[in-house]
Each structure stands twice: as structure tokens, then as C-alpha cells.
PDB file of all heavy atoms in Angstrom:
ATOM      1  N   ILE A   1     105.059 116.470  96.221  1.00  0.00           N
ATOM      2  CA  ILE A   1     104.291 115.542  95.354  1.00  0.00           C
ATOM      3  C   ILE A   1     105.189 114.691  94.500  1.00  0.00           C
ATOM      4  O   ILE A   1     104.738 113.767  93.810  1.00  0.00           O
ATOM      5  CB  ILE A   1     103.294 116.326  94.463  1.00  0.00           C
ATOM      6  CG1 ILE A   1     104.007 117.370  93.575  1.00  0.00           C
ATOM      7  CG2 ILE A   1     102.261 117.007  95.328  1.00  0.00           C
ATOM      8  CD1 ILE A   1     103.074 118.061  92.581  1.00  0.00           C
ATOM      9  N   GLY A   2     106.505 114.935  94.540  1.00  0.00           N
ATOM     10  CA  GLY A   2     107.445 114.104  93.815  1.00  0.00           C
ATOM     11  C   GLY A   2     108.877 114.363  94.338  1.00  0.00           C
ATOM     12  O   GLY A   2     109.214 115.483  94.706  1.00  0.00           O
ATOM     13  N   GLU A   3     109.686 113.278  94.453  1.00  0.00           N
ATOM     14  CA  GLU A   3     111.053 113.453  94.936  1.00  0.00           C
ATOM     15  C   GLU A   3     111.885 112.306  94.453  1.00  0.00           C
ATOM     16  O   GLU A   3     111.418 111.294  93.959  1.00  0.00           O
ATOM     17  CB  GLU A   3     111.081 113.522  96.483  1.00  0.00           C
ATOM     18  CG  GLU A   3     110.529 112.319  97.176  1.00  0.00           C
ATOM     19  CD  GLU A   3     110.426 112.564  98.679  1.00  0.00           C
ATOM     20  OE1 GLU A   3     111.143 113.394  99.200  1.00  0.00           O
ATOM     21  OE2 GLU A   3     109.577 111.880  99.328  1.00  0.00           O
ATOM     22  N   THR A   4     113.224 112.460  94.593  1.00  0.00           N
ATOM     23  CA  THR A   4     114.143 111.387  94.128  1.00  0.00           C
ATOM     24  C   THR A   4     114.074 110.195  95.084  1.00  0.00           C
ATOM     25  O   THR A   4     113.889 110.343  96.265  1.00  0.00           O
ATOM     26  CB  THR A   4     115.544 111.919  94.053  1.00  0.00           C
ATOM     27  OG1 THR A   4     116.422 110.891  93.536  1.00  0.00           O
ATOM     28  CG2 THR A   4     116.101 112.370  95.405  1.00  0.00           C
ATOM     29  N   ILE A   5     114.150 109.026  94.475  1.00  0.00           N
ATOM     30  CA  ILE A   5     114.147 107.791  95.268  1.00  0.00           C
ATOM     31  C   ILE A   5     115.575 107.308  95.558  1.00  0.00           C
ATOM     32  O   ILE A   5     115.802 106.312  96.210  1.00  0.00           O
ATOM     33  CB  ILE A   5     113.332 106.700  94.594  1.00  0.00           C
ATOM     34  CG1 ILE A   5     113.887 106.324  93.181  1.00  0.00           C
ATOM     35  CG2 ILE A   5     111.879 107.101  94.498  1.00  0.00           C
ATOM     36  CD1 ILE A   5     113.210 105.155  92.532  1.00  0.00           C
ATOM     37  N   ASP A   6     116.573 108.004  94.978  1.00  0.00           N
ATOM     38  CA  ASP A   6     117.963 107.644  95.204  1.00  0.00           C
ATOM     39  C   ASP A   6     118.837 108.897  95.168  1.00  0.00           C
ATOM     40  O   ASP A   6     118.750 109.725  96.024  1.00  0.00           O
ATOM     41  CB  ASP A   6     118.442 106.568  94.204  1.00  0.00           C
ATOM     42  CG  ASP A   6     117.994 106.792  92.783  1.00  0.00           C
ATOM     43  OD1 ASP A   6     118.273 107.902  92.263  1.00  0.00           O
ATOM     44  OD2 ASP A   6     117.363 105.909  92.216  1.00  0.00           O
ATOM     45  N   ASP A   7     119.687 109.010  94.124  1.00  0.00           N
ATOM     46  CA  ASP A   7     120.560 110.201  94.027  1.00  0.00           C
ATOM     47  C   ASP A   7     119.784 111.430  93.684  1.00  0.00           C
ATOM     48  O   ASP A   7     118.738 111.409  93.053  1.00  0.00           O
ATOM     49  CB  ASP A   7     121.600 109.982  92.903  1.00  0.00           C
ATOM     50  CG  ASP A   7     122.676 108.953  93.303  1.00  0.00           C
ATOM     51  OD1 ASP A   7     122.641 108.482  94.449  1.00  0.00           O
ATOM     52  OD2 ASP A   7     123.525 108.654  92.475  1.00  0.00           O
ATOM     53  N   ALA A   8     120.327 112.576  94.149  1.00  0.00           N
ATOM     54  CA  ALA A   8     119.719 113.872  93.735  1.00  0.00           C
ATOM     55  C   ALA A   8     120.344 114.278  92.424  1.00  0.00           C
ATOM     56  O   ALA A   8     121.379 113.753  91.985  1.00  0.00           O
ATOM     57  CB  ALA A   8     120.011 114.913  94.814  1.00  0.00           C
ATOM     58  N   VAL A   9     119.726 115.295  91.778  1.00  0.00           N
ATOM     59  CA  VAL A   9     120.220 115.730  90.457  1.00  0.00           C
ATOM     60  C   VAL A   9     121.646 116.274  90.555  1.00  0.00           C
ATOM     61  O   VAL A   9     122.453 116.102  89.675  1.00  0.00           O
ATOM     62  CB  VAL A   9     119.257 116.747  89.852  1.00  0.00           C
ATOM     63  CG1 VAL A   9     119.134 118.012  90.662  1.00  0.00           C
ATOM     64  CG2 VAL A   9     119.621 117.045  88.419  1.00  0.00           C
ATOM     65  N   GLY A  10     121.951 116.979  91.661  1.00  0.00           N
ATOM     66  CA  GLY A  10     123.328 117.508  91.803  1.00  0.00           C
ATOM     67  C   GLY A  10     124.353 116.391  91.896  1.00  0.00           C
ATOM     68  O   GLY A  10     125.483 116.528  91.391  1.00  0.00           O
ATOM     69  N   GLU A  11     123.974 115.283  92.562  1.00  0.00           N
ATOM     70  CA  GLU A  11     124.866 114.144  92.621  1.00  0.00           C
ATOM     71  C   GLU A  11     125.110 113.536  91.222  1.00  0.00           C
ATOM     72  O   GLU A  11     126.190 113.089  90.945  1.00  0.00           O
ATOM     73  CB  GLU A  11     124.275 113.061  93.516  1.00  0.00           C
ATOM     74  CG  GLU A  11     124.285 113.402  95.006  1.00  0.00           C
ATOM     75  CD  GLU A  11     123.598 112.305  95.821  1.00  0.00           C
ATOM     76  OE1 GLU A  11     122.376 112.315  95.932  1.00  0.00           O
ATOM     77  OE2 GLU A  11     124.317 111.460  96.364  1.00  0.00           O
ATOM     78  N   ALA A  12     124.043 113.521  90.422  1.00  0.00           N
ATOM     79  CA  ALA A  12     124.182 112.981  89.071  1.00  0.00           C
ATOM     80  C   ALA A  12     125.212 113.790  88.270  1.00  0.00           C
ATOM     81  O   ALA A  12     126.059 113.236  87.529  1.00  0.00           O
ATOM     82  CB  ALA A  12     122.836 112.993  88.358  1.00  0.00           C
ATOM     83  N   PHE A  13     125.195 115.112  88.418  1.00  0.00           N
ATOM     84  CA  PHE A  13     126.171 115.958  87.731  1.00  0.00           C
ATOM     85  C   PHE A  13     127.573 115.706  88.304  1.00  0.00           C
ATOM     86  O   PHE A  13     128.512 115.511  87.572  1.00  0.00           O
ATOM     87  CB  PHE A  13     125.779 117.434  87.921  1.00  0.00           C
ATOM     88  CG  PHE A  13     124.823 117.967  86.888  1.00  0.00           C
ATOM     89  CD1 PHE A  13     123.549 118.369  87.286  1.00  0.00           C
ATOM     90  CD2 PHE A  13     125.169 118.044  85.565  1.00  0.00           C
ATOM     91  CE1 PHE A  13     122.630 118.855  86.374  1.00  0.00           C
ATOM     92  CE2 PHE A  13     124.255 118.543  84.636  1.00  0.00           C
ATOM     93  CZ  PHE A  13     123.007 118.964  85.022  1.00  0.00           C
ATOM     94  N   ASP A  14     127.685 115.730  89.621  1.00  0.00           N
ATOM     95  CA  ASP A  14     128.998 115.623  90.256  1.00  0.00           C
ATOM     96  C   ASP A  14     129.645 114.254  90.037  1.00  0.00           C
ATOM     97  O   ASP A  14     130.833 114.143  89.761  1.00  0.00           O
ATOM     98  CB  ASP A  14     128.888 115.922  91.766  1.00  0.00           C
ATOM     99  CG  ASP A  14     128.647 117.405  92.025  1.00  0.00           C
ATOM    100  OD1 ASP A  14     129.027 118.217  91.167  1.00  0.00           O
ATOM    101  OD2 ASP A  14     128.104 117.706  93.126  1.00  0.00           O
ATOM    102  N   LYS A  15     128.840 113.165  90.159  1.00  0.00           N
ATOM    103  CA  LYS A  15     129.445 111.817  90.007  1.00  0.00           C
ATOM    104  C   LYS A  15     129.763 111.548  88.534  1.00  0.00           C
ATOM    105  O   LYS A  15     130.767 110.904  88.233  1.00  0.00           O
ATOM    106  CB  LYS A  15     128.433 110.793  90.544  1.00  0.00           C
ATOM    107  CG  LYS A  15     128.332 110.841  92.018  1.00  0.00           C
ATOM    108  CD  LYS A  15     127.335 109.822  92.596  1.00  0.00           C
ATOM    109  CE  LYS A  15     127.219 109.884  94.098  1.00  0.00           C
ATOM    110  NZ  LYS A  15     126.181 108.977  94.667  1.00  0.00           N
ATOM    111  N   SER A  16     128.968 112.075  87.625  1.00  0.00           N
ATOM    112  CA  SER A  16     129.288 111.969  86.204  1.00  0.00           C
ATOM    113  C   SER A  16     130.592 112.728  85.897  1.00  0.00           C
ATOM    114  O   SER A  16     131.457 112.257  85.165  1.00  0.00           O
ATOM    115  CB  SER A  16     128.160 112.506  85.311  1.00  0.00           C
ATOM    116  OG  SER A  16     126.996 111.749  85.530  1.00  0.00           O
ATOM    117  N   GLY A  17     130.716 113.943  86.495  1.00  0.00           N
ATOM    118  CA  GLY A  17     131.900 114.723  86.293  1.00  0.00           C
ATOM    119  C   GLY A  17     133.109 114.078  86.825  1.00  0.00           C
ATOM    120  O   GLY A  17     134.202 114.161  86.208  1.00  0.00           O
ATOM    121  N   LYS A  18     132.993 113.374  87.950  1.00  0.00           N
ATOM    122  CA  LYS A  18     134.145 112.667  88.529  1.00  0.00           C
ATOM    123  C   LYS A  18     134.627 111.585  87.572  1.00  0.00           C
ATOM    124  O   LYS A  18     135.824 111.356  87.407  1.00  0.00           O
ATOM    125  CB  LYS A  18     133.737 112.058  89.878  1.00  0.00           C
ATOM    126  CG  LYS A  18     134.893 111.560  90.696  1.00  0.00           C
ATOM    127  CD  LYS A  18     134.470 111.156  92.078  1.00  0.00           C
ATOM    128  CE  LYS A  18     135.652 110.701  92.927  1.00  0.00           C
ATOM    129  NZ  LYS A  18     135.250 110.323  94.286  1.00  0.00           N
ATOM    130  N   LEU A  19     133.650 110.880  86.902  1.00  0.00           N
ATOM    131  CA  LEU A  19     134.039 109.838  85.926  1.00  0.00           C
ATOM    132  C   LEU A  19     134.829 110.422  84.785  1.00  0.00           C
ATOM    133  O   LEU A  19     135.697 109.755  84.199  1.00  0.00           O
ATOM    134  CB  LEU A  19     132.760 109.204  85.389  1.00  0.00           C
ATOM    135  CG  LEU A  19     131.921 108.353  86.341  1.00  0.00           C
ATOM    136  CD1 LEU A  19     130.637 107.931  85.620  1.00  0.00           C
ATOM    137  CD2 LEU A  19     132.665 107.120  86.805  1.00  0.00           C
ATOM    138  N   LEU A  20     134.555 111.680  84.479  1.00  0.00           N
ATOM    139  CA  LEU A  20     135.202 112.336  83.339  1.00  0.00           C
ATOM    140  C   LEU A  20     136.475 113.081  83.705  1.00  0.00           C
ATOM    141  O   LEU A  20     137.115 113.701  82.899  1.00  0.00           O
ATOM    142  CB  LEU A  20     134.221 113.314  82.680  1.00  0.00           C
ATOM    143  CG  LEU A  20     132.900 112.711  82.193  1.00  0.00           C
ATOM    144  CD1 LEU A  20     131.961 113.812  81.676  1.00  0.00           C
ATOM    145  CD2 LEU A  20     133.186 111.724  81.077  1.00  0.00           C
ATOM    146  N   GLY A  21     136.801 112.979  85.019  1.00  0.00           N
ATOM    147  CA  GLY A  21     138.048 113.659  85.477  1.00  0.00           C
ATOM    148  C   GLY A  21     137.892 115.122  85.749  1.00  0.00           C
ATOM    149  O   GLY A  21     138.901 115.839  85.834  1.00  0.00           O
ATOM    150  N   LEU A  22     136.633 115.565  85.905  1.00  0.00           N
ATOM    151  CA  LEU A  22     136.394 116.999  86.207  1.00  0.00           C
ATOM    152  C   LEU A  22     136.501 117.195  87.724  1.00  0.00           C
ATOM    153  O   LEU A  22     136.373 116.291  88.502  1.00  0.00           O
ATOM    154  CB  LEU A  22     135.013 117.430  85.689  1.00  0.00           C
ATOM    155  CG  LEU A  22     134.773 117.235  84.197  1.00  0.00           C
ATOM    156  CD1 LEU A  22     133.366 117.657  83.812  1.00  0.00           C
ATOM    157  CD2 LEU A  22     135.794 117.980  83.331  1.00  0.00           C
ATOM    158  N   GLY A  23     136.716 118.448  88.111  1.00  0.00           N
ATOM    159  CA  GLY A  23     136.843 118.770  89.533  1.00  0.00           C
ATOM    160  C   GLY A  23     135.507 118.750  90.250  1.00  0.00           C
ATOM    161  O   GLY A  23     134.454 118.502  89.678  1.00  0.00           O
ATOM    162  N   TYR A  24     135.562 119.029  91.553  1.00  0.00           N
ATOM    163  CA  TYR A  24     134.324 119.083  92.361  1.00  0.00           C
ATOM    164  C   TYR A  24     134.108 120.544  92.783  1.00  0.00           C
ATOM    165  O   TYR A  24     135.043 121.197  93.216  1.00  0.00           O
ATOM    166  CB  TYR A  24     134.486 118.210  93.601  1.00  0.00           C
ATOM    167  CG  TYR A  24     133.282 118.335  94.562  1.00  0.00           C
ATOM    168  CD1 TYR A  24     132.147 117.601  94.389  1.00  0.00           C
ATOM    169  CD2 TYR A  24     133.380 119.226  95.651  1.00  0.00           C
ATOM    170  CE1 TYR A  24     131.070 117.720  95.243  1.00  0.00           C
ATOM    171  CE2 TYR A  24     132.307 119.392  96.516  1.00  0.00           C
ATOM    172  CZ  TYR A  24     131.148 118.640  96.303  1.00  0.00           C
ATOM    173  OH  TYR A  24     130.107 118.781  97.172  1.00  0.00           O
ATOM    174  N   PRO A  25     132.878 121.060  92.715  1.00  0.00           N
ATOM    175  CA  PRO A  25     131.692 120.410  92.126  1.00  0.00           C
ATOM    176  C   PRO A  25     131.780 120.455  90.581  1.00  0.00           C
ATOM    177  O   PRO A  25     132.275 121.405  90.038  1.00  0.00           O
ATOM    178  CB  PRO A  25     130.533 121.277  92.673  1.00  0.00           C
ATOM    179  CG  PRO A  25     131.154 122.613  92.875  1.00  0.00           C
ATOM    180  CD  PRO A  25     132.560 122.347  93.313  1.00  0.00           C
ATOM    181  N   ALA A  26     131.263 119.434  89.959  1.00  0.00           N
ATOM    182  CA  ALA A  26     131.389 119.271  88.524  1.00  0.00           C
ATOM    183  C   ALA A  26     130.262 119.917  87.713  1.00  0.00           C
ATOM    184  O   ALA A  26     130.435 120.174  86.538  1.00  0.00           O
ATOM    185  CB  ALA A  26     131.440 117.775  88.118  1.00  0.00           C
ATOM    186  N   GLY A  27     129.168 120.214  88.405  1.00  0.00           N
ATOM    187  CA  GLY A  27     128.029 120.768  87.690  1.00  0.00           C
ATOM    188  C   GLY A  27     128.293 122.012  86.847  1.00  0.00           C
ATOM    189  O   GLY A  27     127.943 122.033  85.665  1.00  0.00           O
ATOM    190  N   PRO A  28     128.963 123.018  87.424  1.00  0.00           N
ATOM    191  CA  PRO A  28     129.256 124.213  86.646  1.00  0.00           C
ATOM    192  C   PRO A  28     130.133 123.934  85.426  1.00  0.00           C
ATOM    193  O   PRO A  28     129.976 124.539  84.344  1.00  0.00           O
ATOM    194  CB  PRO A  28     129.955 125.147  87.648  1.00  0.00           C
ATOM    195  CG  PRO A  28     129.442 124.690  88.987  1.00  0.00           C
ATOM    196  CD  PRO A  28     129.286 123.200  88.836  1.00  0.00           C
ATOM    197  N   GLU A  29     131.087 123.028  85.575  1.00  0.00           N
ATOM    198  CA  GLU A  29     132.016 122.699  84.458  1.00  0.00           C
ATOM    199  C   GLU A  29     131.252 121.942  83.350  1.00  0.00           C
ATOM    200  O   GLU A  29     131.448 122.189  82.145  1.00  0.00           O
ATOM    201  CB  GLU A  29     133.179 121.842  84.984  1.00  0.00           C
ATOM    202  CG  GLU A  29     134.213 121.489  83.922  1.00  0.00           C
ATOM    203  CD  GLU A  29     135.042 122.710  83.417  1.00  0.00           C
ATOM    204  OE1 GLU A  29     134.966 123.762  84.078  1.00  0.00           O
ATOM    205  OE2 GLU A  29     135.681 122.587  82.329  1.00  0.00           O
ATOM    206  N   ILE A  30     130.371 121.031  83.751  1.00  0.00           N
ATOM    207  CA  ILE A  30     129.568 120.304  82.738  1.00  0.00           C
ATOM    208  C   ILE A  30     128.667 121.318  82.017  1.00  0.00           C
ATOM    209  O   ILE A  30     128.521 121.253  80.783  1.00  0.00           O
ATOM    210  CB  ILE A  30     128.730 119.196  83.416  1.00  0.00           C
ATOM    211  CG1 ILE A  30     129.627 118.069  83.892  1.00  0.00           C
ATOM    212  CG2 ILE A  30     127.630 118.687  82.484  1.00  0.00           C
ATOM    213  CD1 ILE A  30     128.878 116.969  84.633  1.00  0.00           C
ATOM    214  N   ASP A  31     128.093 122.277  82.739  1.00  0.00           N
ATOM    215  CA  ASP A  31     127.242 123.283  82.117  1.00  0.00           C
ATOM    216  C   ASP A  31     128.012 124.092  81.106  1.00  0.00           C
ATOM    217  O   ASP A  31     127.515 124.374  79.986  1.00  0.00           O
ATOM    218  CB  ASP A  31     126.671 124.164  83.242  1.00  0.00           C
ATOM    219  CG  ASP A  31     125.624 125.166  82.723  1.00  0.00           C
ATOM    220  OD1 ASP A  31     125.035 124.921  81.659  1.00  0.00           O
ATOM    221  OD2 ASP A  31     125.383 126.160  83.395  1.00  0.00           O
ATOM    222  N   LYS A  32     129.212 124.483  81.487  1.00  0.00           N
ATOM    223  CA  LYS A  32     130.059 125.298  80.591  1.00  0.00           C
ATOM    224  C   LYS A  32     130.422 124.538  79.319  1.00  0.00           C
ATOM    225  O   LYS A  32     130.337 125.032  78.205  1.00  0.00           O
ATOM    226  CB  LYS A  32     131.339 125.736  81.331  1.00  0.00           C
ATOM    227  CG  LYS A  32     132.205 126.664  80.547  1.00  0.00           C
ATOM    228  CD  LYS A  32     133.355 127.196  81.412  1.00  0.00           C
ATOM    229  CE  LYS A  32     134.453 126.181  81.552  1.00  0.00           C
ATOM    230  NZ  LYS A  32     135.688 126.731  82.255  1.00  0.00           N
ATOM    231  N   ARG A  33     130.816 123.272  79.491  1.00  0.00           N
ATOM    232  CA  ARG A  33     131.234 122.465  78.335  1.00  0.00           C
ATOM    233  C   ARG A  33     130.041 122.016  77.465  1.00  0.00           C
ATOM    234  O   ARG A  33     130.198 121.862  76.272  1.00  0.00           O
ATOM    235  CB  ARG A  33     132.005 121.207  78.822  1.00  0.00           C
ATOM    236  CG  ARG A  33     133.368 121.581  79.388  1.00  0.00           C
ATOM    237  CD  ARG A  33     134.184 120.346  79.751  1.00  0.00           C
ATOM    238  NE  ARG A  33     135.552 120.701  80.117  1.00  0.00           N
ATOM    239  CZ  ARG A  33     136.549 120.923  79.277  1.00  0.00           C
ATOM    240  NH1 ARG A  33     136.337 120.813  77.974  1.00  0.00           N
ATOM    241  NH2 ARG A  33     137.743 121.236  79.699  1.00  0.00           N
ATOM    242  N   ALA A  34     128.856 121.881  78.126  1.00  0.00           N
ATOM    243  CA  ALA A  34     127.699 121.486  77.360  1.00  0.00           C
ATOM    244  C   ALA A  34     127.321 122.517  76.279  1.00  0.00           C
ATOM    245  O   ALA A  34     126.809 122.157  75.237  1.00  0.00           O
ATOM    246  CB  ALA A  34     126.491 121.299  78.324  1.00  0.00           C
ATOM    247  N   LYS A  35     127.646 123.760  76.525  1.00  0.00           N
ATOM    248  CA  LYS A  35     127.348 124.846  75.525  1.00  0.00           C
ATOM    249  C   LYS A  35     128.200 124.620  74.266  1.00  0.00           C
ATOM    250  O   LYS A  35     127.834 125.163  73.226  1.00  0.00           O
ATOM    251  CB  LYS A  35     127.624 126.209  76.141  1.00  0.00           C
ATOM    252  CG  LYS A  35     126.729 126.558  77.306  1.00  0.00           C
ATOM    253  CD  LYS A  35     127.208 127.859  77.949  1.00  0.00           C
ATOM    254  CE  LYS A  35     126.410 128.142  79.226  1.00  0.00           C
ATOM    255  NZ  LYS A  35     126.938 129.328  79.940  1.00  0.00           N
ATOM    256  N   LEU A  36     129.302 123.917  74.395  1.00  0.00           N
ATOM    257  CA  LEU A  36     130.210 123.740  73.267  1.00  0.00           C
ATOM    258  C   LEU A  36     130.053 122.383  72.570  1.00  0.00           C
ATOM    259  O   LEU A  36     130.716 122.123  71.535  1.00  0.00           O
ATOM    260  CB  LEU A  36     131.677 123.853  73.760  1.00  0.00           C
ATOM    261  CG  LEU A  36     132.019 125.094  74.552  1.00  0.00           C
ATOM    262  CD1 LEU A  36     133.459 125.005  75.112  1.00  0.00           C
ATOM    263  CD2 LEU A  36     131.897 126.370  73.673  1.00  0.00           C
ATOM    264  N   GLY A  37     129.174 121.545  73.095  1.00  0.00           N
ATOM    265  CA  GLY A  37     129.028 120.196  72.559  1.00  0.00           C
ATOM    266  C   GLY A  37     127.677 119.953  71.905  1.00  0.00           C
ATOM    267  O   GLY A  37     126.794 120.790  71.922  1.00  0.00           O
ATOM    268  N   ASN A  38     127.577 118.735  71.322  1.00  0.00           N
ATOM    269  CA  ASN A  38     126.371 118.263  70.710  1.00  0.00           C
ATOM    270  C   ASN A  38     125.526 117.487  71.700  1.00  0.00           C
ATOM    271  O   ASN A  38     125.933 116.405  72.149  1.00  0.00           O
ATOM    272  CB  ASN A  38     126.680 117.412  69.510  1.00  0.00           C
ATOM    273  CG  ASN A  38     125.450 116.790  68.833  1.00  0.00           C
ATOM    274  OD1 ASN A  38     124.346 117.127  69.186  1.00  0.00           O
ATOM    275  ND2 ASN A  38     125.696 115.874  67.865  1.00  0.00           N
ATOM    276  N   PRO A  39     124.344 118.002  72.089  1.00  0.00           N
ATOM    277  CA  PRO A  39     123.544 117.305  73.170  1.00  0.00           C
ATOM    278  C   PRO A  39     123.006 115.959  72.740  1.00  0.00           C
ATOM    279  O   PRO A  39     122.541 115.167  73.584  1.00  0.00           O
ATOM    280  CB  PRO A  39     122.451 118.289  73.464  1.00  0.00           C
ATOM    281  CG  PRO A  39     122.342 119.152  72.239  1.00  0.00           C
ATOM    282  CD  PRO A  39     123.695 119.241  71.672  1.00  0.00           C
ATOM    283  N   LYS A  40     123.020 115.666  71.434  1.00  0.00           N
ATOM    284  CA  LYS A  40     122.453 114.412  70.944  1.00  0.00           C
ATOM    285  C   LYS A  40     123.555 113.494  70.435  1.00  0.00           C
ATOM    286  O   LYS A  40     123.275 112.488  69.738  1.00  0.00           O
ATOM    287  CB  LYS A  40     121.401 114.657  69.880  1.00  0.00           C
ATOM    288  CG  LYS A  40     120.242 115.457  70.386  1.00  0.00           C
ATOM    289  CD  LYS A  40     119.170 115.662  69.343  1.00  0.00           C
ATOM    290  CE  LYS A  40     117.969 116.453  69.920  1.00  0.00           C
ATOM    291  NZ  LYS A  40     116.928 116.712  68.928  1.00  0.00           N
ATOM    292  N   ALA A  41     124.811 113.810  70.797  1.00  0.00           N
ATOM    293  CA  ALA A  41     125.922 112.969  70.311  1.00  0.00           C
ATOM    294  C   ALA A  41     125.854 111.586  70.879  1.00  0.00           C
ATOM    295  O   ALA A  41     126.159 110.564  70.139  1.00  0.00           O
ATOM    296  CB  ALA A  41     127.233 113.649  70.671  1.00  0.00           C
ATOM    297  N   PHE A  42     125.544 111.451  72.162  1.00  0.00           N
ATOM    298  CA  PHE A  42     125.529 110.145  72.826  1.00  0.00           C
ATOM    299  C   PHE A  42     124.217 109.990  73.564  1.00  0.00           C
ATOM    300  O   PHE A  42     124.062 110.512  74.698  1.00  0.00           O
ATOM    301  CB  PHE A  42     126.689 110.003  73.782  1.00  0.00           C
ATOM    302  CG  PHE A  42     128.047 110.266  73.171  1.00  0.00           C
ATOM    303  CD1 PHE A  42     128.769 111.405  73.446  1.00  0.00           C
ATOM    304  CD2 PHE A  42     128.574 109.372  72.236  1.00  0.00           C
ATOM    305  CE1 PHE A  42     129.969 111.688  72.861  1.00  0.00           C
ATOM    306  CE2 PHE A  42     129.799 109.623  71.651  1.00  0.00           C
ATOM    307  CZ  PHE A  42     130.488 110.759  71.930  1.00  0.00           C
ATOM    308  N   PRO A  43     123.217 109.354  72.993  1.00  0.00           N
ATOM    309  CA  PRO A  43     121.905 109.234  73.641  1.00  0.00           C
ATOM    310  C   PRO A  43     121.932 108.315  74.865  1.00  0.00           C
ATOM    311  O   PRO A  43     122.359 107.166  74.769  1.00  0.00           O
ATOM    312  CB  PRO A  43     121.008 108.653  72.531  1.00  0.00           C
ATOM    313  CG  PRO A  43     121.930 107.978  71.578  1.00  0.00           C
ATOM    314  CD  PRO A  43     123.245 108.730  71.652  1.00  0.00           C
ATOM    315  N   PHE A  44     121.495 108.816  75.974  1.00  0.00           N
ATOM    316  CA  PHE A  44     121.368 108.029  77.210  1.00  0.00           C
ATOM    317  C   PHE A  44     119.878 107.779  77.477  1.00  0.00           C
ATOM    318  O   PHE A  44     119.019 108.635  77.193  1.00  0.00           O
ATOM    319  CB  PHE A  44     122.004 108.734  78.400  1.00  0.00           C
ATOM    320  CG  PHE A  44     123.486 108.936  78.266  1.00  0.00           C
ATOM    321  CD1 PHE A  44     124.035 110.197  78.038  1.00  0.00           C
ATOM    322  CD2 PHE A  44     124.360 107.837  78.321  1.00  0.00           C
ATOM    323  CE1 PHE A  44     125.441 110.367  77.941  1.00  0.00           C
ATOM    324  CE2 PHE A  44     125.722 107.995  78.210  1.00  0.00           C
ATOM    325  CZ  PHE A  44     126.262 109.274  77.998  1.00  0.00           C
ATOM    326  N   THR A  45     119.589 106.636  78.074  1.00  0.00           N
ATOM    327  CA  THR A  45     118.179 106.269  78.347  1.00  0.00           C
ATOM    328  C   THR A  45     117.727 106.929  79.628  1.00  0.00           C
ATOM    329  O   THR A  45     118.435 106.942  80.637  1.00  0.00           O
ATOM    330  CB  THR A  45     118.055 104.728  78.488  1.00  0.00           C
ATOM    331  OG1 THR A  45     118.602 104.120  77.290  1.00  0.00           O
ATOM    332  CG2 THR A  45     116.646 104.316  78.637  1.00  0.00           C
TER     333      THR A  45
END
């Protein structure tokens, strides 16, 4: 009843992580670092 029209959510994590210089797959590293950061520091639309 609903699906992505472009990238999948895993790609969003991995491609964002690549921009930040994180390894592949980046999802687990983003998850780990997110626990130490402020989720409202940089608001994205």
C-alpha cells in the first residue's frame, strides 16, 4: 500500500554516511553515533 519512489531507506543511511566519511554499510555507525548526538541540532526538511 506504500513504497519508495526512489532510494530505499538503507540507501539514505549509507549514502549519507559516505558523505560523512563513514564506512560501508554506514547505517550501524550512524545509529551508534546518533545516541551521542543532538537529534535537533541540524533540522532537515
